[in-house]
C-alpha atoms as a PDB file:
ATOM      1  CA  MET A   1     -14.017  13.468  12.369  1.00  0.00           C
ATOM      2  CA  ARG A   2     -11.364  15.987  11.451  1.00  0.00           C
ATOM      3  CA  SER A   3      -9.632  15.882  14.819  1.00  0.00           C
ATOM      4  CA  PHE A   4      -9.342  12.128  15.365  1.00  0.00           C
ATOM      5  CA  LEU A   5      -5.538  12.522  15.425  1.00  0.00           C
ATOM      6  CA  PRO A   6      -3.401  15.463  16.488  1.00  0.00           C
ATOM      7  CA  THR A   7      -1.354  17.402  13.983  1.00  0.00           C
ATOM      8  CA  VAL A   8       1.580  15.196  13.032  1.00  0.00           C
ATOM      9  CA  ASP A   9       5.154  16.159  12.151  1.00  0.00           C
ATOM     10  CA  LEU A  10       5.595  13.338   9.643  1.00  0.00           C
ATOM     11  CA  ARG A  11       9.391  13.459   9.618  1.00  0.00           C
ATOM     12  CA  ARG A  12       9.499  13.075  13.409  1.00  0.00           C
ATOM     13  CA  PHE A  13       6.725  10.478  13.222  1.00  0.00           C
ATOM     14  CA  ASN A  14       8.656   8.430  10.676  1.00  0.00           C
ATOM     15  CA  ALA A  15      11.808   8.547  12.814  1.00  0.00           C
ATOM     16  CA  ASN A  16       9.881   7.404  15.887  1.00  0.00           C
ATOM     17  CA  LEU A  17       8.285   4.610  13.891  1.00  0.00           C
ATOM     18  CA  ALA A  18      11.686   3.375  12.751  1.00  0.00           C
ATOM     19  CA  GLY A  19      12.779   3.251  16.368  1.00  0.00           C
ATOM     20  CA  VAL A  20       9.737   1.214  17.360  1.00  0.00           C
ATOM     21  CA  LEU A  21      10.338  -1.285  14.565  1.00  0.00           C
ATOM     22  CA  ILE A  22      13.982  -1.666  15.557  1.00  0.00           C
ATOM     23  CA  LEU A  23      12.976  -2.335  19.173  1.00  0.00           C
ATOM     24  CA  LEU A  24      10.471  -4.941  18.025  1.00  0.00           C
ATOM     25  CA  PHE A  25      13.143  -6.541  15.891  1.00  0.00           C
ATOM     26  CA  ILE A  26      15.645  -6.692  18.776  1.00  0.00           C
ATOM     27  CA  SER A  27      13.122  -8.029  21.282  1.00  0.00           C
ATOM     28  CA  PHE A  28      12.048 -10.881  19.039  1.00  0.00           C
ATOM     29  CA  SER A  29      15.645 -11.697  18.076  1.00  0.00           C
ATOM     30  CA  LEU A  30      16.339 -12.699  21.679  1.00  0.00           C
ATOM     31  CA  HIS A  31      14.052 -15.718  21.288  1.00  0.00           C
ATOM     32  CA  ALA A  32      15.159 -17.417  18.056  1.00  0.00           C
ATOM     33  CA  THR A  33      18.086 -19.218  16.483  1.00  0.00           C
ATOM     34  CA  THR A  34      18.750 -20.329  12.912  1.00  0.00           C
ATOM     35  CA  VAL A  35      16.644 -20.375   9.765  1.00  0.00           C
ATOM     36  CA  ASN A  36      15.809 -22.758   6.976  1.00  0.00           C
ATOM     37  CA  ASP A  37      14.366 -20.738   4.097  1.00  0.00           C
ATOM     38  CA  SER A  38      13.086 -23.826   2.313  1.00  0.00           C
ATOM     39  CA  LEU A  39      10.311 -24.055   4.913  1.00  0.00           C
ATOM     40  CA  ARG A  40       8.846 -20.704   3.832  1.00  0.00           C
ATOM     41  CA  THR A  41       6.812 -21.821   0.826  1.00  0.00           C
ATOM     42  CA  PHE A  42       3.637 -20.648   2.546  1.00  0.00           C
ATOM     43  CA  SER A  43       5.178 -17.583   4.165  1.00  0.00           C
ATOM     44  CA  THR A  44       3.032 -14.496   4.555  1.00  0.00           C
ATOM     45  CA  ALA A  45       5.234 -11.751   3.217  1.00  0.00           C
ATOM     46  CA  PHE A  46       3.617  -8.773   1.544  1.00  0.00           C
ATOM     47  CA  SER A  47       3.919  -9.377  -2.180  1.00  0.00           C
ATOM     48  CA  SER A  48       5.234  -6.906  -4.712  1.00  0.00           C
ATOM     49  CA  GLN A  49       3.457  -3.694  -3.908  1.00  0.00           C
ATOM     50  CA  ARG A  50       4.316  -3.026  -0.281  1.00  0.00           C
ATOM     51  CA  LEU A  51       2.143  -0.140   0.869  1.00  0.00           C
ATOM     52  CA  LEU A  52       2.264   2.124  -2.142  1.00  0.00           C
ATOM     53  CA  CYS A  53      -0.820   4.218  -2.718  1.00  0.00           C
ATOM     54  CA  ASP A  54      -0.794   7.882  -3.649  1.00  0.00           C
ATOM     55  CA  ALA A  55      -3.211  10.272  -2.009  1.00  0.00           C
ATOM     56  CA  CYS A  56      -6.850   9.543  -2.709  1.00  0.00           C
ATOM     57  CA  GLY A  57      -6.333   7.263  -5.661  1.00  0.00           C
ATOM     58  CA  CYS A  58      -3.672   9.004  -7.727  1.00  0.00           C
ATOM     59  CA  SER A  59      -1.663   6.227  -9.378  1.00  0.00           C
ATOM     60  CA  ALA A  60      -3.806   3.966  -7.248  1.00  0.00           C
ATOM     61  CA  SER A  61      -1.861   0.879  -6.413  1.00  0.00           C
ATOM     62  CA  GLY A  62      -3.957  -0.471  -3.633  1.00  0.00           C
ATOM     63  CA  GLY A  63      -2.386   0.973  -0.569  1.00  0.00           C
ATOM     64  CA  SER A  64      -2.233  -1.737   2.050  1.00  0.00           C
ATOM     65  CA  MET A  65      -3.851  -4.378  -0.141  1.00  0.00           C
ATOM     66  CA  GLY A  66      -0.724  -6.292  -1.195  1.00  0.00           C
ATOM     67  CA  PHE A  67      -1.016  -9.248   1.184  1.00  0.00           C
ATOM     68  CA  SER A  68      -0.559 -12.641  -0.458  1.00  0.00           C
ATOM     69  CA  THR A  69       0.240 -16.253   0.330  1.00  0.00           C
ATOM     70  CA  VAL A  70       2.767 -16.778  -2.435  1.00  0.00           C
ATOM     71  CA  GLY A  71       5.382 -16.553   0.304  1.00  0.00           C
ATOM     72  CA  GLU A  72       8.965 -16.097  -0.834  1.00  0.00           C
ATOM     73  CA  ASN A  73       8.440 -17.640  -4.268  1.00  0.00           C
ATOM     74  CA  SER A  74       8.684 -15.759  -7.547  1.00  0.00           C
ATOM     75  CA  PHE A  75       5.323 -15.103  -9.184  1.00  0.00           C
ATOM     76  CA  LEU A  76       3.497 -13.353 -12.013  1.00  0.00           C
ATOM     77  CA  GLY A  77      -0.063 -12.188 -11.512  1.00  0.00           C
ATOM     78  CA  ILE A  78      -2.910  -9.789 -12.139  1.00  0.00           C
ATOM     79  CA  ARG A  79      -4.759  -7.675  -9.619  1.00  0.00           C
ATOM     80  CA  SER A  80      -7.927  -5.585  -9.775  1.00  0.00           C
ATOM     81  CA  MET A  81      -8.540  -2.816  -7.260  1.00  0.00           C
ATOM     82  CA  TYR A  82     -11.461  -0.491  -6.592  1.00  0.00           C
ATOM     83  CA  GLN A  83     -11.520   2.644  -4.421  1.00  0.00           C
ATOM     84  CA  ARG A  84     -14.464   4.943  -3.741  1.00  0.00           C
ATOM     85  CA  TYR A  85     -14.361   8.524  -2.488  1.00  0.00           C
ATOM     86  CA  GLU A  86     -16.595  11.560  -2.214  1.00  0.00           C
ATOM     87  CA  SER A  87     -15.539  15.198  -2.503  1.00  0.00           C
ATOM     88  CA  ASN A  88     -17.174  18.515  -1.626  1.00  0.00           C
ATOM     89  CA  ASP A  89     -15.859  21.982  -2.487  1.00  0.00           C
ATOM     90  CA  ARG A  90     -17.781  23.493   0.484  1.00  0.00           C
ATOM     91  CA  LEU A  91     -18.364  26.730  -1.389  1.00  0.00           C
ATOM     92  CA  TYR A  92     -21.889  26.774   0.046  1.00  0.00           C
ATOM     93  CA  THR A  93     -23.512  25.177   3.067  1.00  0.00           C
ATOM     94  CA  ASN A  94     -25.573  22.961   0.749  1.00  0.00           C
ATOM     95  CA  SER A  95     -22.778  22.065  -1.686  1.00  0.00           C
ATOM     96  CA  PRO A  96     -23.298  18.433  -2.781  1.00  0.00           C
ATOM     97  CA  TRP A  97     -20.933  15.527  -2.190  1.00  0.00           C
ATOM     98  CA  ARG A  98     -19.771  14.139  -5.523  1.00  0.00           C
ATOM     99  CA  LEU A  99     -18.797  10.517  -6.159  1.00  0.00           C
ATOM    100  CA  GLU A 100     -15.250   9.618  -7.269  1.00  0.00           C
ATOM    101  CA  GLN A 101     -14.276   6.072  -8.291  1.00  0.00           C
ATOM    102  CA  PHE A 102     -10.808   4.703  -8.972  1.00  0.00           C
ATOM    103  CA  ARG A 103     -10.303   1.362 -10.736  1.00  0.00           C
ATOM    104  CA  THR A 104      -6.874  -0.152 -11.300  1.00  0.00           C
ATOM    105  CA  TYR A 105      -6.013  -3.284 -13.300  1.00  0.00           C
ATOM    106  CA  GLN A 106      -2.464  -4.280 -12.583  1.00  0.00           C
ATOM    107  CA  ILE A 107       0.141  -6.737 -13.787  1.00  0.00           C
ATOM    108  CA  TRP A 108       2.546  -7.438 -10.960  1.00  0.00           C
ATOM    109  CA  THR A 109       5.484  -9.739 -10.504  1.00  0.00           C
ATOM    110  CA  ARG A 110       8.224 -10.689  -8.097  1.00  0.00           C
ATOM    111  CA  PHE A 111      11.522 -12.265  -9.114  1.00  0.00           C
ATOM    112  CA  ARG A 112      13.851 -13.741  -6.543  1.00  0.00           C
ATOM    113  CA  ILE A 113      17.458 -13.047  -7.450  1.00  0.00           C
ATOM    114  CA  SER A 114      18.832 -14.889  -4.402  1.00  0.00           C
ATOM    115  CA  THR A 115      17.656 -16.193  -1.038  1.00  0.00           C
ATOM    116  CA  LYS A 116      17.886 -12.653   0.330  1.00  0.00           C
ATOM    117  CA  LEU A 117      17.285 -10.300  -2.605  1.00  0.00           C
ATOM    118  CA  GLU A 118      14.115  -9.882  -4.654  1.00  0.00           C
ATOM    119  CA  LEU A 119      12.876  -7.468  -7.308  1.00  0.00           C
ATOM    120  CA  THR A 120       9.226  -6.547  -7.790  1.00  0.00           C
ATOM    121  CA  ALA A 121       7.420  -4.585 -10.485  1.00  0.00           C
ATOM    122  CA  GLN A 122       3.873  -3.342 -11.051  1.00  0.00           C
ATOM    123  CA  VAL A 123       2.328  -2.046 -14.274  1.00  0.00           C
ATOM    124  CA  PRO A 124      -1.110  -0.462 -13.649  1.00  0.00           C
ATOM    125  CA  TRP A 125      -3.870   0.444 -16.066  1.00  0.00           C
ATOM    126  CA  GLN A 126      -6.198   3.070 -14.581  1.00  0.00           C
ATOM    127  CA  HIS A 127      -9.852   3.888 -15.143  1.00  0.00           C
ATOM    128  CA  HIS A 128     -11.176   6.731 -12.972  1.00  0.00           C
ATOM    129  CA  ASN A 129     -14.439   8.647 -13.069  1.00  0.00           C
ATOM    130  CA  ARG A 130     -16.079  11.300 -10.924  1.00  0.00           C
ATOM    131  CA  GLU A 131     -19.184  13.437 -10.846  1.00  0.00           C
ATOM    132  CA  THR A 132     -18.881  17.150 -11.592  1.00  0.00           C
ATOM    133  CA  ALA A 133     -21.348  20.027 -11.850  1.00  0.00           C
ATOM    134  CA  THR A 134     -21.450  19.562 -15.639  1.00  0.00           C
ATOM    135  CA  GLY A 135     -21.477  15.758 -15.858  1.00  0.00           C
ATOM    136  CA  VAL A 136     -19.086  12.841 -15.397  1.00  0.00           C
ATOM    137  CA  GLN A 137     -15.342  13.242 -15.887  1.00  0.00           C
ATOM    138  CA  ALA A 138     -13.302  10.144 -16.783  1.00  0.00           C
ATOM    139  CA  ARG A 139      -9.585   9.389 -16.971  1.00  0.00           C
ATOM    140  CA  THR A 140      -8.273   6.171 -18.548  1.00  0.00           C
ATOM    141  CA  GLY A 141      -4.745   5.073 -19.359  1.00  0.00           C
ATOM    142  CA  LEU A 142      -1.440   3.703 -18.145  1.00  0.00           C
ATOM    143  CA  GLY A 143      -0.518   4.563 -14.560  1.00  0.00           C
ATOM    144  CA  ASP A 144       2.884   4.940 -12.950  1.00  0.00           C
ATOM    145  CA  VAL A 145       5.105   1.853 -13.197  1.00  0.00           C
ATOM    146  CA  SER A 146       6.788   0.885  -9.907  1.00  0.00           C
ATOM    147  CA  ILE A 147       9.946  -1.145  -9.278  1.00  0.00           C
ATOM    148  CA  ASN A 148      11.160  -2.222  -5.825  1.00  0.00           C
ATOM    149  CA  ALA A 149      14.212  -4.060  -4.528  1.00  0.00           C
ATOM    150  CA  LEU A 150      13.917  -5.778  -1.140  1.00  0.00           C
ATOM    151  CA  TYR A 151      16.622  -7.403   0.939  1.00  0.00           C
ATOM    152  CA  LYS A 152      16.182  -9.868   3.791  1.00  0.00           C
ATOM    153  CA  LEU A 153      18.153  -8.264   6.600  1.00  0.00           C
ATOM    154  CA  PHE A 154      17.399 -10.930   9.181  1.00  0.00           C
ATOM    155  CA  SER A 155      15.661 -14.304   9.340  1.00  0.00           C
ATOM    156  CA  SER A 156      15.559 -16.806  12.190  1.00  0.00           C
ATOM    157  CA  GLU A 157      13.563 -19.658  13.698  1.00  0.00           C
ATOM    158  CA  ASN A 158      13.871 -21.864  16.761  1.00  0.00           C
ATOM    159  CA  GLU A 159      15.134 -25.450  16.722  1.00  0.00           C
ATOM    160  CA  VAL A 160      11.690 -27.083  16.698  1.00  0.00           C
ATOM    161  CA  LYS A 161      10.558 -24.726  13.891  1.00  0.00           C
ATOM    162  CA  THR A 162       7.496 -23.452  15.768  1.00  0.00           C
ATOM    163  CA  LYS A 163       8.610 -19.843  16.013  1.00  0.00           C
ATOM    164  CA  SER A 164      10.277 -17.576  13.457  1.00  0.00           C
ATOM    165  CA  HIS A 165      10.760 -13.962  12.578  1.00  0.00           C
ATOM    166  CA  ARG A 166      12.341 -11.966   9.750  1.00  0.00           C
ATOM    167  CA  PHE A 167      12.938  -8.406   8.734  1.00  0.00           C
ATOM    168  CA  HIS A 168      13.081  -6.953   5.209  1.00  0.00           C
ATOM    169  CA  GLY A 169      14.217  -3.540   4.054  1.00  0.00           C
ATOM    170  CA  GLY A 170      14.096  -2.067   0.598  1.00  0.00           C
ATOM    171  CA  LEU A 171      14.079   0.814  -1.832  1.00  0.00           C
ATOM    172  CA  GLY A 172      11.841   1.532  -4.785  1.00  0.00           C
ATOM    173  CA  ILE A 173      11.211   3.954  -7.614  1.00  0.00           C
ATOM    174  CA  LYS A 174       7.971   4.993  -9.297  1.00  0.00           C
ATOM    175  CA  LEU A 175       8.318   6.112 -12.913  1.00  0.00           C
ATOM    176  CA  PRO A 176       6.238   8.967 -14.446  1.00  0.00           C
ATOM    177  CA  THR A 177       4.543   6.753 -17.036  1.00  0.00           C
ATOM    178  CA  GLY A 178       1.042   7.903 -16.066  1.00  0.00           C
ATOM    179  CA  GLU A 179      -0.260  11.192 -17.441  1.00  0.00           C
ATOM    180  CA  PHE A 180      -0.505  14.182 -15.096  1.00  0.00           C
ATOM    181  CA  ASP A 181      -3.351  16.635 -15.875  1.00  0.00           C
ATOM    182  CA  GLN A 182      -2.555  20.165 -14.686  1.00  0.00           C
ATOM    183  CA  ALA A 183      -6.232  21.177 -14.715  1.00  0.00           C
ATOM    184  CA  ASN A 184      -7.174  18.421 -12.256  1.00  0.00           C
ATOM    185  CA  SER A 185      -4.524  19.611  -9.797  1.00  0.00           C
ATOM    186  CA  ASN A 186      -6.681  22.694  -9.135  1.00  0.00           C
ATOM    187  CA  THR A 187      -9.765  20.720  -8.100  1.00  0.00           C
ATOM    188  CA  VAL A 188     -10.970  19.629  -4.641  1.00  0.00           C
ATOM    189  CA  ASN A 189      -9.187  16.291  -5.053  1.00  0.00           C
ATOM    190  CA  PRO A 190      -6.032  17.042  -7.071  1.00  0.00           C
ATOM    191  CA  ALA A 191      -5.107  13.338  -6.956  1.00  0.00           C
ATOM    192  CA  PHE A 192      -7.675  12.540  -9.667  1.00  0.00           C
ATOM    193  CA  GLN A 193      -4.802  11.629 -11.970  1.00  0.00           C
ATOM    194  CA  LEU A 194      -3.349   8.693 -13.877  1.00  0.00           C
ATOM    195  CA  GLY A 195       0.071   9.497 -12.393  1.00  0.00           C
ATOM    196  CA  THR A 196       2.037  12.058 -10.426  1.00  0.00           C
ATOM    197  CA  GLY A 197       4.124  13.090 -13.444  1.00  0.00           C
ATOM    198  CA  SER A 198       7.278  12.756 -11.343  1.00  0.00           C
ATOM    199  CA  PHE A 199       9.955  10.301 -10.316  1.00  0.00           C
ATOM    200  CA  ASP A 200       9.047   9.175  -6.791  1.00  0.00           C
ATOM    201  CA  PHE A 201      11.111   7.097  -4.364  1.00  0.00           C
ATOM    202  CA  ASN A 202      10.049   4.585  -1.753  1.00  0.00           C
ATOM    203  CA  ILE A 203      11.681   3.374   1.470  1.00  0.00           C
ATOM    204  CA  LEU A 204      10.264   0.073   2.745  1.00  0.00           C
ATOM    205  CA  GLY A 205      10.377  -1.969   5.930  1.00  0.00           C
ATOM    206  CA  GLU A 206       8.624  -5.182   6.941  1.00  0.00           C
ATOM    207  CA  TYR A 207       8.696  -7.399  10.008  1.00  0.00           C
ATOM    208  CA  VAL A 208       7.039 -10.859  10.200  1.00  0.00           C
ATOM    209  CA  TYR A 209       6.661 -12.956  13.335  1.00  0.00           C
ATOM    210  CA  GLU A 210       5.157 -16.464  13.223  1.00  0.00           C
ATOM    211  CA  TYR A 211       4.294 -18.859  16.012  1.00  0.00           C
ATOM    212  CA  GLN A 212       3.084 -22.269  14.824  1.00  0.00           C
ATOM    213  CA  LYS A 213       0.263 -21.462  12.371  1.00  0.00           C
ATOM    214  CA  ASN A 214      -0.321 -17.883  13.514  1.00  0.00           C
ATOM    215  CA  GLY A 215       1.511 -14.777  12.485  1.00  0.00           C
ATOM    216  CA  ILE A 216       1.752 -10.998  12.644  1.00  0.00           C
ATOM    217  CA  ASN A 217       3.012  -8.820   9.806  1.00  0.00           C
ATOM    218  CA  ILE A 218       4.041  -5.196  10.452  1.00  0.00           C
ATOM    219  CA  MET A 219       4.919  -2.921   7.555  1.00  0.00           C
ATOM    220  CA  THR A 220       5.881   0.657   6.896  1.00  0.00           C
ATOM    221  CA  SER A 221       6.824   2.697   3.852  1.00  0.00           C
ATOM    222  CA  TYR A 222       7.716   6.295   3.174  1.00  0.00           C
ATOM    223  CA  LEU A 223       7.093   7.615  -0.344  1.00  0.00           C
ATOM    224  CA  ILE A 224       9.175  10.637  -1.334  1.00  0.00           C
ATOM    225  CA  LYS A 225       7.620  12.572  -4.218  1.00  0.00           C
ATOM    226  CA  THR A 226       9.449  15.029  -6.420  1.00  0.00           C
ATOM    227  CA  GLU A 227       8.345  18.015  -8.481  1.00  0.00           C
ATOM    228  CA  ASN A 228       7.071  17.210 -11.973  1.00  0.00           C
ATOM    229  CA  GLU A 229       7.541  19.143 -15.215  1.00  0.00           C
ATOM    230  CA  ARG A 230       4.506  21.297 -14.412  1.00  0.00           C
ATOM    231  CA  ARG A 231       6.194  22.324 -11.157  1.00  0.00           C
ATOM    232  CA  TYR A 232       3.624  20.479  -9.092  1.00  0.00           C
ATOM    233  CA  ARG A 233       4.662  18.142  -6.276  1.00  0.00           C
ATOM    234  CA  PHE A 234       2.377  15.786  -4.410  1.00  0.00           C
ATOM    235  CA  GLY A 235       3.073  15.542  -0.688  1.00  0.00           C
ATOM    236  CA  ASN A 236       5.257  12.801   0.741  1.00  0.00           C
ATOM    237  CA  GLN A 237       3.368   9.895   2.254  1.00  0.00           C
ATOM    238  CA  THR A 238       3.770   7.495   5.176  1.00  0.00           C
ATOM    239  CA  ASN A 239       1.965   4.136   5.156  1.00  0.00           C
ATOM    240  CA  LEU A 240       1.614   1.734   8.071  1.00  0.00           C
ATOM    241  CA  ALA A 241      -0.095  -1.639   8.377  1.00  0.00           C
ATOM    242  CA  ALA A 242      -0.372  -4.507  10.832  1.00  0.00           C
ATOM    243  CA  ILE A 243      -1.970  -7.825   9.867  1.00  0.00           C
ATOM    244  CA  ALA A 244      -2.747 -10.911  11.953  1.00  0.00           C
ATOM    245  CA  TYR A 245      -3.269 -14.176  10.098  1.00  0.00           C
ATOM    246  CA  ARG A 246      -3.629 -17.922  10.511  1.00  0.00           C
ATOM    247  CA  LYS A 247      -2.409 -20.614   8.101  1.00  0.00           C
ATOM    248  CA  ILE A 248      -4.924 -23.386   7.418  1.00  0.00           C
ATOM    249  CA  THR A 249      -4.252 -26.507   5.317  1.00  0.00           C
ATOM    250  CA  ILE A 250      -7.109 -28.701   4.065  1.00  0.00           C
ATOM    251  CA  SER A 251      -6.029 -31.523   1.792  1.00  0.00           C
ATOM    252  CA  HIS A 252      -3.850 -29.834  -0.870  1.00  0.00           C
ATOM    253  CA  TRP A 253      -5.369 -26.389  -0.295  1.00  0.00           C
ATOM    254  CA  GLN A 254      -3.555 -23.767   1.746  1.00  0.00           C
ATOM    255  CA  MET A 255      -5.702 -20.932   3.093  1.00  0.00           C
ATOM    256  CA  LEU A 256      -4.894 -17.721   4.905  1.00  0.00           C
ATOM    257  CA  PRO A 257      -7.600 -15.595   6.593  1.00  0.00           C
ATOM    258  CA  GLN A 258      -6.316 -12.156   7.636  1.00  0.00           C
ATOM    259  CA  VAL A 259      -7.502  -9.196   9.718  1.00  0.00           C
ATOM    260  CA  GLY A 260      -5.721  -5.969  10.518  1.00  0.00           C
ATOM    261  CA  VAL A 261      -5.455  -2.208  10.339  1.00  0.00           C
ATOM    262  CA  ALA A 262      -3.753   0.219   7.974  1.00  0.00           C
ATOM    263  CA  ALA A 263      -3.024   3.936   8.199  1.00  0.00           C
ATOM    264  CA  GLU A 264      -1.945   6.503   5.618  1.00  0.00           C
ATOM    265  CA  PHE A 265      -0.572   9.994   6.296  1.00  0.00           C
ATOM    266  CA  PHE A 266      -0.283  12.595   3.519  1.00  0.00           C
ATOM    267  CA  GLU A 267       1.779  15.776   3.606  1.00  0.00           C
ATOM    268  CA  SER A 268       0.643  18.886   1.714  1.00  0.00           C
ATOM    269  CA  ASN A 269       1.065  19.284  -2.031  1.00  0.00           C
ATOM    270  CA  TYR A 270       3.117  22.109  -3.534  1.00  0.00           C
ATOM    271  CA  SER A 271       2.606  24.123  -6.720  1.00  0.00           C
ATOM    272  CA  ARG A 272       5.569  26.215  -7.893  1.00  0.00           C
ATOM    273  CA  ARG A 273       7.031  25.633  -4.414  1.00  0.00           C
ATOM    274  CA  SER A 274       4.008  27.176  -2.678  1.00  0.00           C
ATOM    275  CA  ARG A 275       1.986  24.957  -0.363  1.00  0.00           C
ATOM    276  CA  VAL A 276      -1.461  24.060  -1.662  1.00  0.00           C
ATOM    277  CA  ASP A 277      -4.121  24.380   1.035  1.00  0.00           C
ATOM    278  CA  ASP A 278      -6.384  21.471   1.957  1.00  0.00           C
ATOM    279  CA  THR A 279      -4.244  18.730   0.402  1.00  0.00           C
ATOM    280  CA  SER A 280      -2.847  16.948   3.475  1.00  0.00           C
ATOM    281  CA  GLY A 281      -4.628  14.335   5.550  1.00  0.00           C
ATOM    282  CA  ARG A 282      -4.729  10.953   7.230  1.00  0.00           C
ATOM    283  CA  VAL A 283      -6.955   7.922   7.230  1.00  0.00           C
ATOM    284  CA  VAL A 284      -7.152   4.672   9.199  1.00  0.00           C
ATOM    285  CA  PHE A 285      -8.677   1.510   7.698  1.00  0.00           C
ATOM    286  CA  ALA A 286      -9.847  -1.788   9.114  1.00  0.00           C
ATOM    287  CA  ARG A 287      -8.925  -4.653   6.806  1.00  0.00           C
ATOM    288  CA  ALA A 288      -9.975  -8.254   6.202  1.00  0.00           C
ATOM    289  CA  GLY A 289      -8.923 -10.697   3.513  1.00  0.00           C
ATOM    290  CA  PHE A 290      -8.629 -14.298   2.473  1.00  0.00           C
ATOM    291  CA  ASP A 291      -6.034 -16.049   0.301  1.00  0.00           C
ATOM    292  CA  VAL A 292      -5.939 -19.576  -1.037  1.00  0.00           C
ATOM    293  CA  SER A 293      -3.133 -21.475  -2.780  1.00  0.00           C
ATOM    294  CA  ARG A 294      -2.744 -24.841  -4.441  1.00  0.00           C
ATOM    295  CA  LYS A 295       0.440 -25.942  -6.162  1.00  0.00           C
ATOM    296  CA  TRP A 296       1.272 -23.130  -8.622  1.00  0.00           C
ATOM    297  CA  ILE A 297      -1.945 -21.093  -8.276  1.00  0.00           C
ATOM    298  CA  ASN A 298      -2.646 -18.369  -5.707  1.00  0.00           C
ATOM    299  CA  ALA A 299      -5.815 -16.253  -5.451  1.00  0.00           C
ATOM    300  CA  GLY A 300      -7.331 -13.935  -2.906  1.00  0.00           C
ATOM    301  CA  PHE A 301      -9.366 -10.882  -2.061  1.00  0.00           C
ATOM    302  CA  SER A 302      -9.327  -8.125   0.536  1.00  0.00           C
ATOM    303  CA  ALA A 303     -11.646  -5.367   1.736  1.00  0.00           C
ATOM    304  CA  MET A 304     -10.851  -2.195   3.645  1.00  0.00           C
ATOM    305  CA  LEU A 305     -13.219   0.229   5.377  1.00  0.00           C
ATOM    306  CA  PRO A 306     -12.228   3.579   6.927  1.00  0.00           C
ATOM    307  CA  VAL A 307     -12.708   3.874  10.684  1.00  0.00           C
ATOM    308  CA  ALA A 308     -11.293   7.409  11.086  1.00  0.00           C
ATOM    309  CA  GLN A 309     -10.173  10.048   8.605  1.00  0.00           C
ATOM    310  CA  ASP A 310      -9.396  13.683   7.901  1.00  0.00           C
ATOM    311  CA  LEU A 311      -8.589  14.158   4.228  1.00  0.00           C
ATOM    312  CA  ASN A 312      -8.106  17.491   2.457  1.00  0.00           C
ATOM    313  CA  ASN A 313      -9.430  19.429   5.465  1.00  0.00           C
ATOM    314  CA  GLY A 314     -12.628  17.384   5.434  1.00  0.00           C
ATOM    315  CA  LYS A 315     -13.346  18.011   1.753  1.00  0.00           C
ATOM    316  CA  VAL A 316     -12.677  14.399   0.738  1.00  0.00           C
ATOM    317  CA  ARG A 317     -14.179  11.248   2.248  1.00  0.00           C
ATOM    318  CA  ALA A 318     -12.711   7.791   1.737  1.00  0.00           C
ATOM    319  CA  HIS A 319     -15.035   4.803   1.531  1.00  0.00           C
ATOM    320  CA  GLU A 320     -14.391   1.137   0.763  1.00  0.00           C
ATOM    321  CA  ARG A 321     -11.375  -0.338  -1.014  1.00  0.00           C
ATOM    322  CA  LEU A 322     -11.668  -3.750  -2.643  1.00  0.00           C
ATOM    323  CA  SER A 323      -9.012  -5.936  -4.239  1.00  0.00           C
ATOM    324  CA  VAL A 324      -8.843  -9.347  -5.938  1.00  0.00           C
ATOM    325  CA  HIS A 325      -5.768 -11.059  -7.365  1.00  0.00           C
ATOM    326  CA  LEU A 326      -4.709 -14.180  -9.229  1.00  0.00           C
ATOM    327  CA  ASN A 327      -1.050 -15.241  -9.293  1.00  0.00           C
ATOM    328  CA  LEU A 328       0.990 -17.957 -10.998  1.00  0.00           C
ATOM    329  CA  ILE A 329       3.713 -19.159  -8.634  1.00  0.00           C
ATOM    330  CA  LEU A 330       6.921 -19.644 -10.611  1.00  0.00           C
END
């Protein structure tokens, strides 16, 4: 499956993507008028962590698993995420595939400063383990803390309030609070880490279109990674996701089934400014999830399965990603 996508110039790809999103934004803006933000209490914005997931689990923050029905309200919550991979050094034709598991327990929050500006933060605790030739290796500890600021650039709905759309843009920073292990950077999957050991920066974009009880959410992010103290730099990363959903209300319960796709593109890592072979890649996931809210409580789960991938020149295989969350709406 190594050739499911052609070789990608990620800088050009990101520029083209921005152009597509702008065209989508303009085309939808021709069909709407004014907005009333107070109607958005069950909005389907991506909460807190918008598409942040380092390559193959490093500082695992769930990738495209941040969907939630807390809408535009402030919240405080907990989230548990699981990711499974396999790696193979391919030194021999019969080299075994070895299991790698990444578990993240995260406190996350969003605080609305105004009707247009919001701040989000995530504090992850990591527990990773993987099989090696000599036994099981484990890594446990604090991961990289992330902080994002998002601004509502546009929001509109028609007069009868059956159709609306909005566009958010934002910037974020990831702090080097998770430990970086130099020895693990020389293994088949160098992302078996608690953190990147570097200050990393995120550029975010999100577009939401709703018609009656149905909606589509399109998101992109570009994570710029810097060199850490050990002179190692993980490759920059582009994340994309598109989710379709339907809002269902039964009595006082508000439910949100979701289906969609997500893609992640990784550039090569660098050690002492020399490119590290077999560290780039891409993967596409199918995604399904379900959220439920009542009054000040929100809960949900999501599952992702890879449908196409080429990671680390075929030396790493992604498998399922699972996520559950529980939020208190403030």
